[in-house]
Protein backbone atom coordinates (compact mmCIF):
# COMPACT_ATOMS: atom_id res chain seq x y z
CA MET A 1 -12.50 -14.45 17.31
CA ILE A 2 -10.09 -13.14 13.70
CA GLU A 3 -7.60 -11.80 15.90
CA SER A 4 -6.78 -14.89 17.72
CA VAL A 5 -6.17 -17.28 14.27
CA THR A 6 -3.25 -19.00 14.20
CA THR A 7 -3.05 -20.71 10.90
CA GLU A 8 -4.15 -19.88 7.29
CA ILE A 9 -7.04 -22.43 7.14
CA GLU A 10 -8.62 -20.63 10.06
CA LEU A 11 -7.55 -17.25 8.50
CA VAL A 12 -9.87 -17.82 5.37
CA LEU A 13 -12.51 -19.30 7.36
CA GLN A 14 -12.66 -16.29 9.43
CA ILE A 15 -12.49 -13.62 6.43
CA GLU A 16 -14.99 -15.60 4.24
CA ALA A 17 -17.47 -15.89 7.58
CA ILE A 18 -16.68 -11.86 7.61
CA ALA A 19 -17.46 -10.97 4.33
CA LYS A 20 -20.79 -12.98 4.13
CA GLU A 21 -21.95 -11.70 7.46
CA LEU A 22 -21.53 -8.08 5.97
CA GLY A 23 -23.26 -9.25 3.19
CA PHE A 24 -20.47 -9.64 0.21
CA GLU A 25 -19.56 -13.19 -1.56
CA PHE A 26 -15.97 -12.12 -2.09
CA VAL A 27 -13.06 -10.99 -0.20
CA ALA A 28 -9.65 -10.29 -1.24
CA LEU A 29 -6.69 -10.29 1.89
CA LEU A 30 -3.87 -9.08 -0.36
CA HIS A 31 -0.16 -6.88 -0.59
CA SER A 32 -0.40 -5.09 -4.23
CA ALA A 33 2.87 -6.62 -5.03
CA SER A 34 1.65 -10.45 -4.86
CA LEU A 35 -0.24 -9.69 -7.55
CA PHE A 36 2.95 -10.18 -9.78
CA ARG A 37 5.09 -11.62 -7.50
CA ARG A 38 4.29 -14.86 -5.69
CA SER A 39 6.48 -15.30 -1.80
CA PRO A 40 5.78 -16.63 1.28
CA MET A 41 6.48 -13.38 2.88
CA LEU A 42 3.52 -11.61 1.05
CA ILE A 43 -0.31 -11.77 2.04
CA ARG A 44 -2.49 -12.94 -1.05
CA TYR A 45 -5.84 -14.70 -0.36
CA ASP A 46 -9.17 -14.46 -2.26
CA ASN A 47 -12.21 -16.02 -3.35
CA TYR A 48 -13.21 -13.71 -6.61
CA PRO A 49 -13.85 -15.39 -9.78
CA PRO A 50 -10.67 -17.23 -11.48
CA GLY A 51 -8.96 -14.23 -14.31
CA TRP A 52 -10.48 -11.52 -12.25
CA ASP A 53 -6.25 -10.46 -11.90
CA THR A 54 -5.38 -10.66 -15.33
CA ARG A 55 -4.72 -7.30 -16.55
CA LEU A 56 -4.07 -5.36 -12.73
CA VAL A 57 -0.65 -4.39 -13.40
CA GLY A 58 0.97 -3.21 -16.24
CA ARG A 59 4.46 -3.14 -17.08
CA GLY A 60 7.46 -2.97 -14.74
CA GLY A 61 5.19 -4.62 -11.97
CA ARG A 62 3.00 -0.87 -11.77
CA ILE A 63 -0.46 -1.18 -10.18
CA ILE A 64 -2.71 -0.10 -12.82
CA ASP A 65 -6.41 -1.09 -11.14
CA PRO A 66 -8.05 2.07 -9.95
CA ILE A 67 -9.73 0.86 -6.82
CA LEU A 68 -6.00 -0.44 -5.83
CA ALA A 69 -4.42 3.42 -7.42
CA ILE A 70 -6.77 4.98 -5.26
CA ALA A 71 -6.16 2.60 -1.98
CA ARG A 72 -2.60 4.19 -1.95
CA ARG A 73 -3.67 6.92 -1.27
CA ARG A 74 -5.98 6.63 1.45
CA VAL A 75 -6.30 6.21 4.91
CA SER A 76 -9.53 4.51 5.37
CA GLY A 77 -12.37 2.09 3.81
CA PHE A 78 -14.36 3.66 1.45
CA LEU A 79 -16.98 2.50 -1.26
CA TRP A 80 -15.91 2.01 -4.94
CA ALA A 81 -18.60 3.66 -6.19
CA ASP A 82 -18.27 6.89 -4.12
CA VAL A 83 -14.53 7.31 -4.90
CA LEU A 84 -15.35 6.10 -8.63
CA VAL A 85 -17.41 8.99 -9.78
CA GLN A 86 -14.60 11.30 -8.39
CA THR A 87 -11.83 9.94 -10.33
CA LYS A 88 -10.93 10.39 -13.98
CA LEU A 89 -10.03 7.11 -15.29
CA THR A 90 -7.77 5.63 -18.24
CA HIS A 91 -9.38 3.57 -21.10
CA HIS A 92 -7.32 0.62 -19.22
CA GLN A 93 -8.65 1.26 -16.09
CA LEU A 94 -12.06 1.70 -17.43
CA ALA A 95 -11.54 -1.54 -19.56
CA ILE A 96 -10.48 -3.40 -15.84
CA LEU A 97 -13.23 -2.07 -14.85
CA GLY A 98 -15.65 -3.52 -17.72
CA LEU A 99 -13.31 -6.84 -17.35
CA ALA A 100 -14.60 -6.92 -13.12
CA GLY A 101 -18.18 -6.42 -13.66
CA ARG A 102 -18.29 -9.54 -16.23
CA HIS A 103 -16.17 -11.46 -13.42
CA GLY A 104 -19.54 -10.44 -11.22
CA ILE A 105 -17.48 -8.03 -9.29
CA ARG A 106 -19.28 -4.79 -9.49
CA GLN A 107 -19.68 -3.98 -6.08
CA GLY A 108 -17.06 -3.41 -3.32
CA ILE A 109 -15.62 -1.89 -0.33
CA THR A 110 -11.66 -1.57 0.09
CA VAL A 111 -10.02 -0.72 3.06
CA PRO A 112 -6.37 0.44 2.88
CA VAL A 113 -3.56 -1.21 5.12
CA ASN A 114 0.05 0.26 4.62
CA VAL A 115 2.36 -0.22 7.20
CA PRO A 116 5.41 1.71 6.92
CA GLY A 117 8.49 -0.76 5.46
CA GLU A 118 6.23 -3.23 4.16
CA PRO A 119 4.28 -3.51 0.61
CA GLU A 120 1.35 -1.49 0.27
CA GLY A 121 -1.91 -4.08 1.34
CA SER A 122 -5.71 -3.89 1.61
CA VAL A 123 -8.66 -6.11 2.05
CA ASN A 124 -11.31 -5.97 -0.01
CA PHE A 125 -15.14 -7.03 -0.45
CA ALA A 126 -16.84 -7.31 -3.45
CA THR A 127 -20.47 -8.56 -4.45
CA ARG A 128 -22.38 -9.05 -7.41
CA ARG A 129 -25.34 -7.12 -6.36
CA LEU A 130 -25.62 -3.15 -6.42
CA SER A 131 -27.60 -2.75 -3.72
CA HIS A 132 -27.38 0.30 -1.69
CA ILE A 133 -24.94 0.01 0.75
CA THR A 134 -24.88 1.81 4.62
CA PRO A 135 -22.16 4.09 5.29
CA GLU A 136 -22.53 1.77 9.04
CA ARG A 137 -21.21 -1.14 6.83
CA ILE A 138 -18.69 0.78 5.22
CA LEU A 139 -17.26 1.48 8.74
CA LEU A 140 -17.54 -2.17 9.84
CA ALA A 141 -15.62 -3.48 7.09
CA ASP A 142 -13.18 -1.06 8.03
CA ALA A 143 -12.65 -1.80 11.26
CA VAL A 144 -12.83 -6.14 10.58
CA GLY A 145 -10.55 -5.42 7.53
CA ARG A 146 -7.72 -3.77 9.55
CA ILE A 147 -7.87 -6.51 12.50
CA ALA A 148 -8.36 -9.48 9.54
CA PHE A 149 -5.21 -8.19 7.73
CA ASP A 150 -2.91 -7.64 10.98
CA ALA A 151 -4.03 -11.66 12.10
CA ALA A 152 -2.84 -12.44 8.29
CA ARG A 153 0.55 -10.93 9.04
CA ARG A 154 0.78 -12.52 11.84
CA VAL A 155 -0.15 -16.10 10.26
CA ILE A 156 2.51 -15.26 7.90
CA GLY A 157 5.18 -14.76 10.11
CA ILE A 158 5.84 -10.60 9.20
CA ALA A 159 4.06 -9.33 12.19
CA GLY A 160 6.39 -9.82 14.95
CA LEU A 161 9.70 -9.75 12.11
CA PRO A 162 11.91 -6.70 13.66
CA GLY A 163 11.59 -3.64 11.50
CA PHE A 164 14.72 -2.22 9.44
CA THR A 165 15.06 1.56 10.49
CA PRO A 166 18.49 2.59 10.24
CA HIS A 167 19.84 4.99 12.69
CA VAL A 168 19.88 8.59 10.59
CA GLY A 169 21.19 11.65 12.84
CA ASN A 170 19.66 14.78 12.10
CA ARG A 171 22.37 16.46 9.45
CA VAL A 172 21.66 12.60 7.35
CA ARG A 173 18.00 13.58 7.57
CA GLU A 174 18.00 16.39 6.56
CA CYS A 175 20.39 16.18 3.60
CA ILE A 176 18.05 13.22 2.78
CA TYR A 177 15.14 15.69 3.00
CA TRP A 178 16.63 18.15 0.75
CA ILE A 179 17.38 15.67 -2.08
CA ALA A 180 13.93 14.68 -1.98
CA HIS A 181 13.13 18.30 -2.96
CA GLY A 182 15.67 17.52 -6.03
CA LYS A 183 18.47 19.75 -4.82
CA THR A 184 22.14 19.01 -5.20
CA ASP A 185 24.77 18.82 -2.67
CA GLN A 186 26.01 22.35 -3.20
CA ASP A 187 22.86 23.68 -2.74
CA ILE A 188 21.94 21.85 0.25
CA ALA A 189 25.53 22.61 1.56
CA ASP A 190 24.21 26.84 0.94
CA ILE A 191 20.84 25.66 2.41
CA LEU A 192 22.58 24.66 5.71
CA GLY A 193 25.89 26.61 6.29
CA ILE A 194 28.08 24.16 5.69
CA GLY A 195 30.63 22.91 3.53
CA LEU A 196 30.60 21.08 0.44
CA GLU A 197 32.44 17.91 1.27
CA THR A 198 30.57 17.54 4.67
CA VAL A 199 27.28 17.35 3.06
CA ARG A 200 29.09 14.66 0.48
CA THR A 201 29.87 13.18 3.34
CA TYR A 202 26.30 12.90 5.07
CA VAL A 203 25.56 11.79 1.68
CA LYS A 204 27.99 8.90 1.52
CA SER A 205 26.75 7.78 4.86
CA ALA A 206 23.11 7.94 3.77
CA PHE A 207 24.09 5.18 0.91
CA ARG A 208 25.58 3.22 3.39
CA LEU A 209 23.08 3.23 6.42
CA PHE A 210 20.19 2.39 3.45
CA ASN A 211 22.14 -0.18 1.32
CA VAL A 212 21.44 1.70 -1.96
CA ILE A 213 23.71 3.63 -4.60
CA THR A 214 21.33 6.40 -6.21
CA ARG A 215 19.57 9.48 -4.76
CA GLY A 216 16.60 8.47 -5.94
CA GLN A 217 16.90 5.16 -4.49
CA LEU A 218 17.27 6.80 -0.70
CA VAL A 219 14.35 8.62 -1.31
CA HIS A 220 12.45 5.89 -1.94
CA GLU A 221 13.84 4.19 1.13
CA ALA A 222 13.75 6.91 2.70
CA LEU A 223 10.23 7.78 2.65
CA ARG A 224 9.09 3.72 3.00
CA LEU A 225 10.91 3.69 6.21
CA GLY A 226 8.98 6.65 7.62
CA VAL A 227 12.54 8.21 8.07
CA ILE A 228 11.31 11.61 6.02
CA ASP A 229 7.72 12.10 5.35
CA PHE A 230 5.89 12.48 2.10
CA LEU A 231 4.87 15.42 2.66
CA PRO A 232 6.77 17.88 3.26
CA SER A 233 9.42 16.41 1.94
CA ILE A 234 7.63 16.13 -1.45
CA PRO A 235 6.78 19.59 -2.68
CA PRO A 236 3.66 19.72 -4.38
CA PHE A 237 5.03 21.04 -7.88
CA GLY A 238 8.32 19.20 -8.71
């Protein structure tokens, strides 16, 4: 069983067998960051045709592949065809889909696996065929994909690492929350009914706790580590 594998070879054999049983020739198990940066602490395995990933990353390491971009905002497995018809794609993204088709990657299921404090990840099952994929198969791929990704985390050694989540007091957390709303230190002082210098002390403390030097970095790390939530920390219109 894939949940009990202990080596990368066992993992590869198991995930390929699972993909085949589900009716897919191709499978990709990865942290999105592995597309532009190799690291022993990043998951990256695929048996896709060579060259499939040449255009998935834009300037600055930005993931522009439409499927991975959609996966960033999803919590459960999805059929590519279902989400693509609901998505306005850029010319570059359309070109990526065209390139994938020429490599024989025409239909598939992506299972988002996003662990707080780790790079965004996914398990992707793909096929050359455009035959109907049942909802039951999507549900099965979702369940098995999550188990496989967790096994991969364990095999490369990140599942057992102690998570870095600094102890953040309530006032410091409130200050970070309002910084995420774009508020100045004076704004935060007025909102919380405390002195400006007190707010500045809390903000400096937050910078030290998260080892950052800018407010943007502070918000990013607080969101990444789950210290504050994306919603309602980030208002819908600025």
